[in-house]
């Protein structure tokens, strides 16, 4: 299926193909090394697209990424670059909306929400 968008032809990809593509990207990113991953995640945390997340998530990243283990960095990567829209992520972190169960049970997400709650005070 093709569609015209600002003079360019764009291909719409079925969601199942996109998931496979993202899985491939994640495997390649694991090869980047922990320090490169930290640097990439710090940049991505500060450039979220909405100022609220730039401040909350960027501040958390500045303060905590250097102490997270490889497994925690992978979970953090999945949270900020995963399936959640930016505003939803802000609402979950700030407590304005209840987070999905998989996020609530995630140790890294709990650290992020704790950081956000400490900033409220």
C-alpha atoms as a PDB file:
ATOM      1  CA  UNK A   1       0.000   0.000   0.000  1.00  0.00           C
ATOM      2  CA  UNK A   2       1.376   3.404  -0.970  1.00  0.00           C
ATOM      3  CA  UNK A   3       0.331   6.873   0.063  1.00  0.00           C
ATOM      4  CA  UNK A   4       1.384  10.353  -1.034  1.00  0.00           C
ATOM      5  CA  UNK A   5       2.859  12.461   1.774  1.00  0.00           C
ATOM      6  CA  UNK A   6       4.352  15.900   1.076  1.00  0.00           C
ATOM      7  CA  UNK A   7       5.351  14.909  -2.429  1.00  0.00           C
ATOM      8  CA  UNK A   8       7.113  11.681  -1.398  1.00  0.00           C
ATOM      9  CA  UNK A   9       5.908   8.119  -1.709  1.00  0.00           C
ATOM     10  CA  UNK A  10       5.880   6.313   1.635  1.00  0.00           C
ATOM     11  CA  UNK A  11       5.446   2.607   2.207  1.00  0.00           C
ATOM     12  CA  UNK A  12       3.150   1.556   5.019  1.00  0.00           C
ATOM     13  CA  UNK A  13       4.652  -1.475   6.750  1.00  0.00           C
ATOM     14  CA  UNK A  14       2.484  -4.013   8.606  1.00  0.00           C
ATOM     15  CA  UNK A  15       3.071  -3.945  12.365  1.00  0.00           C
ATOM     16  CA  UNK A  16       4.433  -7.507  12.430  1.00  0.00           C
ATOM     17  CA  UNK A  17       7.294  -6.444  10.121  1.00  0.00           C
ATOM     18  CA  UNK A  18       8.048  -3.412  12.273  1.00  0.00           C
ATOM     19  CA  UNK A  19       8.415  -5.560  15.401  1.00  0.00           C
ATOM     20  CA  UNK A  20      10.919  -7.793  13.606  1.00  0.00           C
ATOM     21  CA  UNK A  21      12.811  -4.737  12.439  1.00  0.00           C
ATOM     22  CA  UNK A  22      13.013  -3.319  15.970  1.00  0.00           C
ATOM     23  CA  UNK A  23      14.208  -6.676  17.314  1.00  0.00           C
ATOM     24  CA  UNK A  24      17.025  -6.598  14.765  1.00  0.00           C
ATOM     25  CA  UNK A  25      17.982  -3.073  15.852  1.00  0.00           C
ATOM     26  CA  UNK A  26      18.069  -4.091  19.525  1.00  0.00           C
ATOM     27  CA  UNK A  27      20.423  -6.985  18.766  1.00  0.00           C
ATOM     28  CA  UNK A  28      22.762  -4.631  16.893  1.00  0.00           C
ATOM     29  CA  UNK A  29      22.668  -2.089  19.723  1.00  0.00           C
ATOM     30  CA  UNK A  30      23.778  -4.684  22.267  1.00  0.00           C
ATOM     31  CA  UNK A  31      27.064  -4.834  20.376  1.00  0.00           C
ATOM     32  CA  UNK A  32      27.697  -1.107  20.938  1.00  0.00           C
ATOM     33  CA  UNK A  33      29.305  -1.435  24.391  1.00  0.00           C
ATOM     34  CA  UNK A  34      28.038  -0.175  27.709  1.00  0.00           C
ATOM     35  CA  UNK A  35      29.665   3.281  27.562  1.00  0.00           C
ATOM     36  CA  UNK A  36      28.344   3.974  24.058  1.00  0.00           C
ATOM     37  CA  UNK A  37      24.929   2.754  25.177  1.00  0.00           C
ATOM     38  CA  UNK A  38      25.015   5.109  28.179  1.00  0.00           C
ATOM     39  CA  UNK A  39      25.996   8.031  25.931  1.00  0.00           C
ATOM     40  CA  UNK A  40      23.222   7.223  23.427  1.00  0.00           C
ATOM     41  CA  UNK A  41      20.611   6.836  26.160  1.00  0.00           C
ATOM     42  CA  UNK A  42      21.677  10.092  27.820  1.00  0.00           C
ATOM     43  CA  UNK A  43      21.252  11.944  24.527  1.00  0.00           C
ATOM     44  CA  UNK A  44      17.896  10.265  23.821  1.00  0.00           C
ATOM     45  CA  UNK A  45      16.742  11.041  27.360  1.00  0.00           C
ATOM     46  CA  UNK A  46      17.409  14.746  26.962  1.00  0.00           C
ATOM     47  CA  UNK A  47      15.862  15.031  23.486  1.00  0.00           C
ATOM     48  CA  UNK A  48      12.448  13.432  23.961  1.00  0.00           C
ATOM     49  CA  UNK A  49      10.245  15.723  21.913  1.00  0.00           C
ATOM     50  CA  UNK A  50       8.308  17.261  24.790  1.00  0.00           C
ATOM     51  CA  UNK A  51       9.908  19.537  27.358  1.00  0.00           C
ATOM     52  CA  UNK A  52       8.362  17.742  30.336  1.00  0.00           C
ATOM     53  CA  UNK A  53      10.054  14.452  29.430  1.00  0.00           C
ATOM     54  CA  UNK A  54      13.293  16.236  28.540  1.00  0.00           C
ATOM     55  CA  UNK A  55      13.380  17.544  32.107  1.00  0.00           C
ATOM     56  CA  UNK A  56      12.147  14.442  33.969  1.00  0.00           C
ATOM     57  CA  UNK A  57      13.734  11.654  31.976  1.00  0.00           C
ATOM     58  CA  UNK A  58      16.809  13.686  31.049  1.00  0.00           C
ATOM     59  CA  UNK A  59      17.390  14.613  34.690  1.00  0.00           C
ATOM     60  CA  UNK A  60      17.010  11.001  35.775  1.00  0.00           C
ATOM     61  CA  UNK A  61      19.437   9.871  33.081  1.00  0.00           C
ATOM     62  CA  UNK A  62      22.049  12.471  34.030  1.00  0.00           C
ATOM     63  CA  UNK A  63      21.919  11.395  37.642  1.00  0.00           C
ATOM     64  CA  UNK A  64      21.523   7.622  37.321  1.00  0.00           C
ATOM     65  CA  UNK A  65      22.678   6.127  34.012  1.00  0.00           C
ATOM     66  CA  UNK A  66      26.287   5.860  35.156  1.00  0.00           C
ATOM     67  CA  UNK A  67      25.261   3.487  37.972  1.00  0.00           C
ATOM     68  CA  UNK A  68      22.848   1.217  36.067  1.00  0.00           C
ATOM     69  CA  UNK A  69      23.903  -2.302  35.129  1.00  0.00           C
ATOM     70  CA  UNK A  70      23.740  -3.619  31.555  1.00  0.00           C
ATOM     71  CA  UNK A  71      20.419  -5.333  32.248  1.00  0.00           C
ATOM     72  CA  UNK A  72      18.987  -2.147  33.778  1.00  0.00           C
ATOM     73  CA  UNK A  73      20.209  -0.089  30.820  1.00  0.00           C
ATOM     74  CA  UNK A  74      18.450  -2.495  28.458  1.00  0.00           C
ATOM     75  CA  UNK A  75      15.213  -2.115  30.455  1.00  0.00           C
ATOM     76  CA  UNK A  76      15.630   1.683  30.497  1.00  0.00           C
ATOM     77  CA  UNK A  77      16.155   1.617  26.726  1.00  0.00           C
ATOM     78  CA  UNK A  78      12.976  -0.438  26.305  1.00  0.00           C
ATOM     79  CA  UNK A  79      11.021   2.045  28.454  1.00  0.00           C
ATOM     80  CA  UNK A  80      12.089   5.258  26.743  1.00  0.00           C
ATOM     81  CA  UNK A  81      12.301   3.882  23.184  1.00  0.00           C
ATOM     82  CA  UNK A  82       9.539   1.305  23.427  1.00  0.00           C
ATOM     83  CA  UNK A  83       5.858   1.187  22.750  1.00  0.00           C
ATOM     84  CA  UNK A  84       4.697   4.078  24.964  1.00  0.00           C
ATOM     85  CA  UNK A  85       3.836   7.446  23.473  1.00  0.00           C
ATOM     86  CA  UNK A  86       5.662  10.467  24.931  1.00  0.00           C
ATOM     87  CA  UNK A  87       2.659  11.947  26.719  1.00  0.00           C
ATOM     88  CA  UNK A  88       1.649   8.572  28.133  1.00  0.00           C
ATOM     89  CA  UNK A  89       5.182   8.072  29.416  1.00  0.00           C
ATOM     90  CA  UNK A  90       5.045  11.498  31.095  1.00  0.00           C
ATOM     91  CA  UNK A  91       1.681  10.702  32.697  1.00  0.00           C
ATOM     92  CA  UNK A  92       2.916   7.322  33.944  1.00  0.00           C
ATOM     93  CA  UNK A  93       6.124   8.751  35.405  1.00  0.00           C
ATOM     94  CA  UNK A  94       4.386  11.722  37.014  1.00  0.00           C
ATOM     95  CA  UNK A  95       1.586   9.558  38.426  1.00  0.00           C
ATOM     96  CA  UNK A  96      -1.201  11.306  36.519  1.00  0.00           C
ATOM     97  CA  UNK A  97      -2.211   7.999  34.879  1.00  0.00           C
ATOM     98  CA  UNK A  98      -1.733   4.485  36.214  1.00  0.00           C
ATOM     99  CA  UNK A  99       1.127   2.766  34.396  1.00  0.00           C
ATOM    100  CA  UNK A 100       0.629  -0.626  32.731  1.00  0.00           C
ATOM    101  CA  UNK A 101       1.411  -3.589  34.965  1.00  0.00           C
ATOM    102  CA  UNK A 102       4.659  -4.468  33.150  1.00  0.00           C
ATOM    103  CA  UNK A 103       5.982  -0.953  33.861  1.00  0.00           C
ATOM    104  CA  UNK A 104       4.797  -0.944  37.470  1.00  0.00           C
ATOM    105  CA  UNK A 105       6.739  -4.138  38.125  1.00  0.00           C
ATOM    106  CA  UNK A 106       9.913  -2.879  36.437  1.00  0.00           C
ATOM    107  CA  UNK A 107      12.704  -1.881  38.829  1.00  0.00           C
ATOM    108  CA  UNK A 108      14.025   0.809  36.467  1.00  0.00           C
ATOM    109  CA  UNK A 109      10.584   2.379  36.020  1.00  0.00           C
ATOM    110  CA  UNK A 110      10.227   2.472  39.803  1.00  0.00           C
ATOM    111  CA  UNK A 111      13.552   4.341  39.995  1.00  0.00           C
ATOM    112  CA  UNK A 112      12.326   6.856  37.413  1.00  0.00           C
ATOM    113  CA  UNK A 113       9.040   7.461  39.254  1.00  0.00           C
ATOM    114  CA  UNK A 114      10.911   7.795  42.558  1.00  0.00           C
ATOM    115  CA  UNK A 115      13.141  10.423  40.930  1.00  0.00           C
ATOM    116  CA  UNK A 116      10.049  12.273  39.605  1.00  0.00           C
ATOM    117  CA  UNK A 117       8.378  12.162  43.030  1.00  0.00           C
ATOM    118  CA  UNK A 118      11.509  13.520  44.703  1.00  0.00           C
ATOM    119  CA  UNK A 119      11.519  16.404  42.199  1.00  0.00           C
ATOM    120  CA  UNK A 120       7.920  17.299  43.128  1.00  0.00           C
ATOM    121  CA  UNK A 121       8.930  17.984  46.716  1.00  0.00           C
END
